[in-house]
Amino acid sequence: MNKLKTMIWNLQILKDTKGQDLIEYALMAGFVAVAAGAIMPGVSDNISQIFSKVASSLGAAAAQGS
């Protein structure tokens, strides 16, 4: 019986699409940043610094979590 509950729980997780919106917004923000960097060359340095800070923060969080 416990195995059946586990299978049902796993199927419910696979059907969950709540995180899909977050990924779409992140992709859109990235696209806007790349477009802004292409249109305004002065902004590209600032965008690069922001992405570098985000990448280092994510790397530190991943190292801390494992």
PDB file of N, CA and C in Angstrom:
ATOM      1  N   MET A   1       0.824  -1.194   0.000  1.00  0.00           N
ATOM      2  CA  MET A   1       0.000   0.000   0.000  1.00  0.00           C
ATOM      3  C   MET A   1       0.874   1.266   0.000  1.00  0.00           C
ATOM      4  N   ASN A   2       1.951   1.226   0.759  1.00  0.00           N
ATOM      5  CA  ASN A   2       2.838   2.378   0.827  1.00  0.00           C
ATOM      6  C   ASN A   2       3.496   2.629  -0.529  1.00  0.00           C
ATOM      7  N   LYS A   3       3.806   1.551  -1.244  1.00  0.00           N
ATOM      8  CA  LYS A   3       4.415   1.678  -2.564  1.00  0.00           C
ATOM      9  C   LYS A   3       3.448   2.358  -3.536  1.00  0.00           C
ATOM     10  N   LEU A   4       2.160   2.054  -3.429  1.00  0.00           N
ATOM     11  CA  LEU A   4       1.143   2.660  -4.285  1.00  0.00           C
ATOM     12  C   LEU A   4       1.035   4.159  -4.011  1.00  0.00           C
ATOM     13  N   LYS A   5       1.083   4.535  -2.741  1.00  0.00           N
ATOM     14  CA  LYS A   5       1.030   5.957  -2.388  1.00  0.00           C
ATOM     15  C   LYS A   5       2.244   6.694  -2.959  1.00  0.00           C
ATOM     16  N   THR A   6       3.400   6.055  -2.894  1.00  0.00           N
ATOM     17  CA  THR A   6       4.608   6.663  -3.433  1.00  0.00           C
ATOM     18  C   THR A   6       4.497   6.849  -4.938  1.00  0.00           C
ATOM     19  N   MET A   7       3.964   5.862  -5.637  1.00  0.00           N
ATOM     20  CA  MET A   7       3.788   5.980  -7.089  1.00  0.00           C
ATOM     21  C   MET A   7       2.835   7.112  -7.440  1.00  0.00           C
ATOM     22  N   ILE A   8       1.732   7.212  -6.692  1.00  0.00           N
ATOM     23  CA  ILE A   8       0.756   8.281  -6.946  1.00  0.00           C
ATOM     24  C   ILE A   8       1.395   9.639  -6.690  1.00  0.00           C
ATOM     25  N   TRP A   9       2.178   9.763  -5.628  1.00  0.00           N
ATOM     26  CA  TRP A   9       2.854  11.022  -5.307  1.00  0.00           C
ATOM     27  C   TRP A   9       3.812  11.415  -6.429  1.00  0.00           C
ATOM     28  N   ASN A  10       4.567  10.446  -6.935  1.00  0.00           N
ATOM     29  CA  ASN A  10       5.510  10.727  -8.021  1.00  0.00           C
ATOM     30  C   ASN A  10       4.784  11.164  -9.284  1.00  0.00           C
ATOM     31  N   LEU A  11       3.653  10.585  -9.593  1.00  0.00           N
ATOM     32  CA  LEU A  11       2.882  10.982 -10.768  1.00  0.00           C
ATOM     33  C   LEU A  11       2.334  12.395 -10.615  1.00  0.00           C
ATOM     34  N   GLN A  12       1.935  12.762  -9.409  1.00  0.00           N
ATOM     35  CA  GLN A  12       1.429  14.111  -9.177  1.00  0.00           C
ATOM     36  C   GLN A  12       2.540  15.142  -9.354  1.00  0.00           C
ATOM     37  N   ILE A  13       3.747  14.795  -8.941  1.00  0.00           N
ATOM     38  CA  ILE A  13       4.870  15.719  -9.098  1.00  0.00           C
ATOM     39  C   ILE A  13       5.170  15.922 -10.579  1.00  0.00           C
ATOM     40  N   LEU A  14       5.087  14.854 -11.378  1.00  0.00           N
ATOM     41  CA  LEU A  14       5.361  14.965 -12.807  1.00  0.00           C
ATOM     42  C   LEU A  14       4.338  15.835 -13.522  1.00  0.00           C
ATOM     43  N   LYS A  15       3.113  15.861 -13.026  1.00  0.00           N
ATOM     44  CA  LYS A  15       2.060  16.660 -13.654  1.00  0.00           C
ATOM     45  C   LYS A  15       2.097  18.128 -13.223  1.00  0.00           C
ATOM     46  N   ASP A  16       2.838  18.432 -12.173  1.00  0.00           N
ATOM     47  CA  ASP A  16       2.899  19.786 -11.638  1.00  0.00           C
ATOM     48  C   ASP A  16       3.609  20.720 -12.624  1.00  0.00           C
ATOM     49  N   THR A  17       2.961  21.823 -12.987  1.00  0.00           N
ATOM     50  CA  THR A  17       3.540  22.770 -13.941  1.00  0.00           C
ATOM     51  C   THR A  17       3.688  24.167 -13.339  1.00  0.00           C
ATOM     52  N   LYS A  18       3.687  24.277 -12.021  1.00  0.00           N
ATOM     53  CA  LYS A  18       3.763  25.595 -11.384  1.00  0.00           C
ATOM     54  C   LYS A  18       5.091  26.289 -11.657  1.00  0.00           C
ATOM     55  N   GLY A  19       6.187  25.555 -11.749  1.00  0.00           N
ATOM     56  CA  GLY A  19       7.487  26.149 -11.979  1.00  0.00           C
ATOM     57  C   GLY A  19       7.709  26.584 -13.417  1.00  0.00           C
ATOM     58  N   GLN A  20       6.824  26.188 -14.307  1.00  0.00           N
ATOM     59  CA  GLN A  20       6.980  26.518 -15.723  1.00  0.00           C
ATOM     60  C   GLN A  20       6.950  28.027 -15.943  1.00  0.00           C
ATOM     61  N   ASP A  21       6.096  28.732 -15.253  1.00  0.00           N
ATOM     62  CA  ASP A  21       6.000  30.189 -15.419  1.00  0.00           C
ATOM     63  C   ASP A  21       7.297  30.873 -15.015  1.00  0.00           C
ATOM     64  N   LEU A  22       7.902  30.412 -13.936  1.00  0.00           N
ATOM     65  CA  LEU A  22       9.152  31.011 -13.471  1.00  0.00           C
ATOM     66  C   LEU A  22      10.242  30.874 -14.525  1.00  0.00           C
ATOM     67  N   ILE A  23      10.328  29.709 -15.133  1.00  0.00           N
ATOM     68  CA  ILE A  23      11.335  29.483 -16.175  1.00  0.00           C
ATOM     69  C   ILE A  23      11.065  30.380 -17.376  1.00  0.00           C
ATOM     70  N   GLU A  24       9.816  30.524 -17.752  1.00  0.00           N
ATOM     71  CA  GLU A  24       9.477  31.378 -18.890  1.00  0.00           C
ATOM     72  C   GLU A  24       9.842  32.835 -18.607  1.00  0.00           C
ATOM     73  N   TYR A  25       9.578  33.308 -17.388  1.00  0.00           N
ATOM     74  CA  TYR A  25       9.935  34.683 -17.043  1.00  0.00           C
ATOM     75  C   TYR A  25      11.449  34.869 -17.035  1.00  0.00           C
ATOM     76  N   ALA A  26      12.187  33.884 -16.552  1.00  0.00           N
ATOM     77  CA  ALA A  26      13.655  33.974 -16.540  1.00  0.00           C
ATOM     78  C   ALA A  26      14.205  34.019 -17.959  1.00  0.00           C
ATOM     79  N   LEU A  27      13.644  33.201 -18.844  1.00  0.00           N
ATOM     80  CA  LEU A  27      14.080  33.225 -20.238  1.00  0.00           C
ATOM     81  C   LEU A  27      13.769  34.567 -20.894  1.00  0.00           C
ATOM     82  N   MET A  28      12.602  35.106 -20.602  1.00  0.00           N
ATOM     83  CA  MET A  28      12.228  36.401 -21.168  1.00  0.00           C
ATOM     84  C   MET A  28      13.140  37.509 -20.644  1.00  0.00           C
ATOM     85  N   ALA A  29      13.478  37.478 -19.352  1.00  0.00           N
ATOM     86  CA  ALA A  29      14.382  38.485 -18.795  1.00  0.00           C
ATOM     87  C   ALA A  29      15.763  38.373 -19.437  1.00  0.00           C
ATOM     88  N   GLY A  30      16.211  37.162 -19.656  1.00  0.00           N
ATOM     89  CA  GLY A  30      17.494  36.972 -20.327  1.00  0.00           C
ATOM     90  C   GLY A  30      17.476  37.497 -21.747  1.00  0.00           C
ATOM     91  N   PHE A  31      16.400  37.255 -22.451  1.00  0.00           N
ATOM     92  CA  PHE A  31      16.258  37.745 -23.827  1.00  0.00           C
ATOM     93  C   PHE A  31      16.256  39.267 -23.868  1.00  0.00           C
ATOM     94  N   VAL A  32      15.548  39.888 -22.947  1.00  0.00           N
ATOM     95  CA  VAL A  32      15.506  41.352 -22.896  1.00  0.00           C
ATOM     96  C   VAL A  32      16.896  41.906 -22.585  1.00  0.00           C
ATOM     97  N   ALA A  33      17.617  41.248 -21.688  1.00  0.00           N
ATOM     98  CA  ALA A  33      18.964  41.713 -21.344  1.00  0.00           C
ATOM     99  C   ALA A  33      19.901  41.603 -22.543  1.00  0.00           C
ATOM    100  N   VAL A  34      19.819  40.506 -23.282  1.00  0.00           N
ATOM    101  CA  VAL A  34      20.677  40.337 -24.464  1.00  0.00           C
ATOM    102  C   VAL A  34      20.317  41.372 -25.529  1.00  0.00           C
ATOM    103  N   ALA A  35      19.018  41.598 -25.725  1.00  0.00           N
ATOM    104  CA  ALA A  35      18.585  42.589 -26.711  1.00  0.00           C
ATOM    105  C   ALA A  35      19.044  43.987 -26.302  1.00  0.00           C
ATOM    106  N   ALA A  36      18.940  44.312 -25.019  1.00  0.00           N
ATOM    107  CA  ALA A  36      19.386  45.628 -24.559  1.00  0.00           C
ATOM    108  C   ALA A  36      20.894  45.784 -24.741  1.00  0.00           C
ATOM    109  N   GLY A  37      21.631  44.720 -24.495  1.00  0.00           N
ATOM    110  CA  GLY A  37      23.077  44.776 -24.691  1.00  0.00           C
ATOM    111  C   GLY A  37      23.452  44.950 -26.144  1.00  0.00           C
ATOM    112  N   ALA A  38      22.662  44.372 -27.040  1.00  0.00           N
ATOM    113  CA  ALA A  38      22.954  44.507 -28.468  1.00  0.00           C
ATOM    114  C   ALA A  38      22.607  45.912 -28.974  1.00  0.00           C
ATOM    115  N   ILE A  39      21.544  46.480 -28.441  1.00  0.00           N
ATOM    116  CA  ILE A  39      21.098  47.796 -28.903  1.00  0.00           C
ATOM    117  C   ILE A  39      21.924  48.911 -28.267  1.00  0.00           C
ATOM    118  N   MET A  40      22.227  48.772 -26.987  1.00  0.00           N
ATOM    119  CA  MET A  40      22.965  49.812 -26.261  1.00  0.00           C
ATOM    120  C   MET A  40      24.275  49.227 -25.745  1.00  0.00           C
ATOM    121  N   PRO A  41      25.358  49.414 -26.469  1.00  0.00           N
ATOM    122  CA  PRO A  41      26.643  48.807 -26.072  1.00  0.00           C
ATOM    123  C   PRO A  41      27.134  49.234 -24.688  1.00  0.00           C
ATOM    124  N   GLY A  42      26.782  50.409 -24.243  1.00  0.00           N
ATOM    125  CA  GLY A  42      27.210  50.864 -22.921  1.00  0.00           C
ATOM    126  C   GLY A  42      26.582  50.067 -21.793  1.00  0.00           C
ATOM    127  N   VAL A  43      25.437  49.515 -22.043  1.00  0.00           N
ATOM    128  CA  VAL A  43      24.726  48.750 -21.023  1.00  0.00           C
ATOM    129  C   VAL A  43      25.272  47.330 -20.913  1.00  0.00           C
ATOM    130  N   SER A  44      25.930  46.855 -21.955  1.00  0.00           N
ATOM    131  CA  SER A  44      26.358  45.453 -21.975  1.00  0.00           C
ATOM    132  C   SER A  44      27.345  45.132 -20.860  1.00  0.00           C
ATOM    133  N   ASP A  45      28.195  46.081 -20.481  1.00  0.00           N
ATOM    134  CA  ASP A  45      29.130  45.841 -19.371  1.00  0.00           C
ATOM    135  C   ASP A  45      28.375  45.651 -18.056  1.00  0.00           C
ATOM    136  N   ASN A  46      27.370  46.482 -17.831  1.00  0.00           N
ATOM    137  CA  ASN A  46      26.569  46.353 -16.609  1.00  0.00           C
ATOM    138  C   ASN A  46      25.814  45.033 -16.586  1.00  0.00           C
ATOM    139  N   ILE A  47      25.264  44.635 -17.711  1.00  0.00           N
ATOM    140  CA  ILE A  47      24.530  43.376 -17.787  1.00  0.00           C
ATOM    141  C   ILE A  47      25.484  42.209 -17.521  1.00  0.00           C
ATOM    142  N   SER A  48      26.677  42.280 -18.071  1.00  0.00           N
ATOM    143  CA  SER A  48      27.668  41.231 -17.856  1.00  0.00           C
ATOM    144  C   SER A  48      28.029  41.116 -16.380  1.00  0.00           C
ATOM    145  N   GLN A  49      28.178  42.235 -15.700  1.00  0.00           N
ATOM    146  CA  GLN A  49      28.490  42.220 -14.272  1.00  0.00           C
ATOM    147  C   GLN A  49      27.355  41.611 -13.462  1.00  0.00           C
ATOM    148  N   ILE A  50      26.124  41.922 -13.823  1.00  0.00           N
ATOM    149  CA  ILE A  50      24.964  41.374 -13.114  1.00  0.00           C
ATOM    150  C   ILE A  50      24.899  39.868 -13.289  1.00  0.00           C
ATOM    151  N   PHE A  51      25.073  39.388 -14.524  1.00  0.00           N
ATOM    152  CA  PHE A  51      25.037  37.947 -14.750  1.00  0.00           C
ATOM    153  C   PHE A  51      26.184  37.247 -14.033  1.00  0.00           C
ATOM    154  N   SER A  52      27.343  37.886 -13.957  1.00  0.00           N
ATOM    155  CA  SER A  52      28.475  37.303 -13.232  1.00  0.00           C
ATOM    156  C   SER A  52      28.166  37.179 -11.747  1.00  0.00           C
ATOM    157  N   LYS A  53      27.541  38.208 -11.172  1.00  0.00           N
ATOM    158  CA  LYS A  53      27.171  38.157  -9.754  1.00  0.00           C
ATOM    159  C   LYS A  53      26.140  37.064  -9.497  1.00  0.00           C
ATOM    160  N   VAL A  54      25.162  36.942 -10.381  1.00  0.00           N
ATOM    161  CA  VAL A  54      24.144  35.905 -10.226  1.00  0.00           C
ATOM    162  C   VAL A  54      24.773  34.517 -10.328  1.00  0.00           C
ATOM    163  N   ALA A  55      25.677  34.341 -11.294  1.00  0.00           N
ATOM    164  CA  ALA A  55      26.335  33.047 -11.470  1.00  0.00           C
ATOM    165  C   ALA A  55      27.176  32.688 -10.256  1.00  0.00           C
ATOM    166  N   SER A  56      27.893  33.647  -9.702  1.00  0.00           N
ATOM    167  CA  SER A  56      28.710  33.349  -8.518  1.00  0.00           C
ATOM    168  C   SER A  56      27.837  33.049  -7.312  1.00  0.00           C
ATOM    169  N   SER A  57      26.716  33.739  -7.171  1.00  0.00           N
ATOM    170  CA  SER A  57      25.794  33.470  -6.065  1.00  0.00           C
ATOM    171  C   SER A  57      25.185  32.082  -6.178  1.00  0.00           C
ATOM    172  N   LEU A  58      24.802  31.714  -7.406  1.00  0.00           N
ATOM    173  CA  LEU A  58      24.246  30.379  -7.614  1.00  0.00           C
ATOM    174  C   LEU A  58      25.293  29.302  -7.370  1.00  0.00           C
ATOM    175  N   GLY A  59      26.523  29.557  -7.784  1.00  0.00           N
ATOM    176  CA  GLY A  59      27.596  28.599  -7.547  1.00  0.00           C
ATOM    177  C   GLY A  59      27.857  28.417  -6.053  1.00  0.00           C
ATOM    178  N   ALA A  60      27.853  29.504  -5.309  1.00  0.00           N
ATOM    179  CA  ALA A  60      28.068  29.430  -3.858  1.00  0.00           C
ATOM    180  C   ALA A  60      26.920  28.691  -3.177  1.00  0.00           C
ATOM    181  N   ALA A  61      25.702  28.950  -3.629  1.00  0.00           N
ATOM    182  CA  ALA A  61      24.539  28.264  -3.036  1.00  0.00           C
ATOM    183  C   ALA A  61      24.570  26.774  -3.347  1.00  0.00           C
ATOM    184  N   ALA A  62      24.977  26.423  -4.561  1.00  0.00           N
ATOM    185  CA  ALA A  62      25.058  25.013  -4.931  1.00  0.00           C
ATOM    186  C   ALA A  62      26.137  24.305  -4.145  1.00  0.00           C
ATOM    187  N   ALA A  63      27.274  24.963  -3.926  1.00  0.00           N
ATOM    188  CA  ALA A  63      28.360  24.353  -3.146  1.00  0.00           C
ATOM    189  C   ALA A  63      27.954  24.196  -1.681  1.00  0.00           C
ATOM    190  N   GLN A  64      27.191  25.134  -1.186  1.00  0.00           N
ATOM    191  CA  GLN A  64      26.760  25.084   0.206  1.00  0.00           C
ATOM    192  C   GLN A  64      25.700  23.999   0.415  1.00  0.00           C
ATOM    193  N   GLY A  65      24.865  23.776  -0.608  1.00  0.00           N
ATOM    194  CA  GLY A  65      23.793  22.794  -0.489  1.00  0.00           C
ATOM    195  C   GLY A  65      24.264  21.351  -0.588  1.00  0.00           C
ATOM    196  N   SER A  66      25.402  21.113  -1.217  1.00  0.00           N
ATOM    197  CA  SER A  66      25.840  19.717  -1.380  1.00  0.00           C
ATOM    198  C   SER A  66      26.837  19.287  -0.350  1.00  0.00           C
TER     199      SER A  66
END
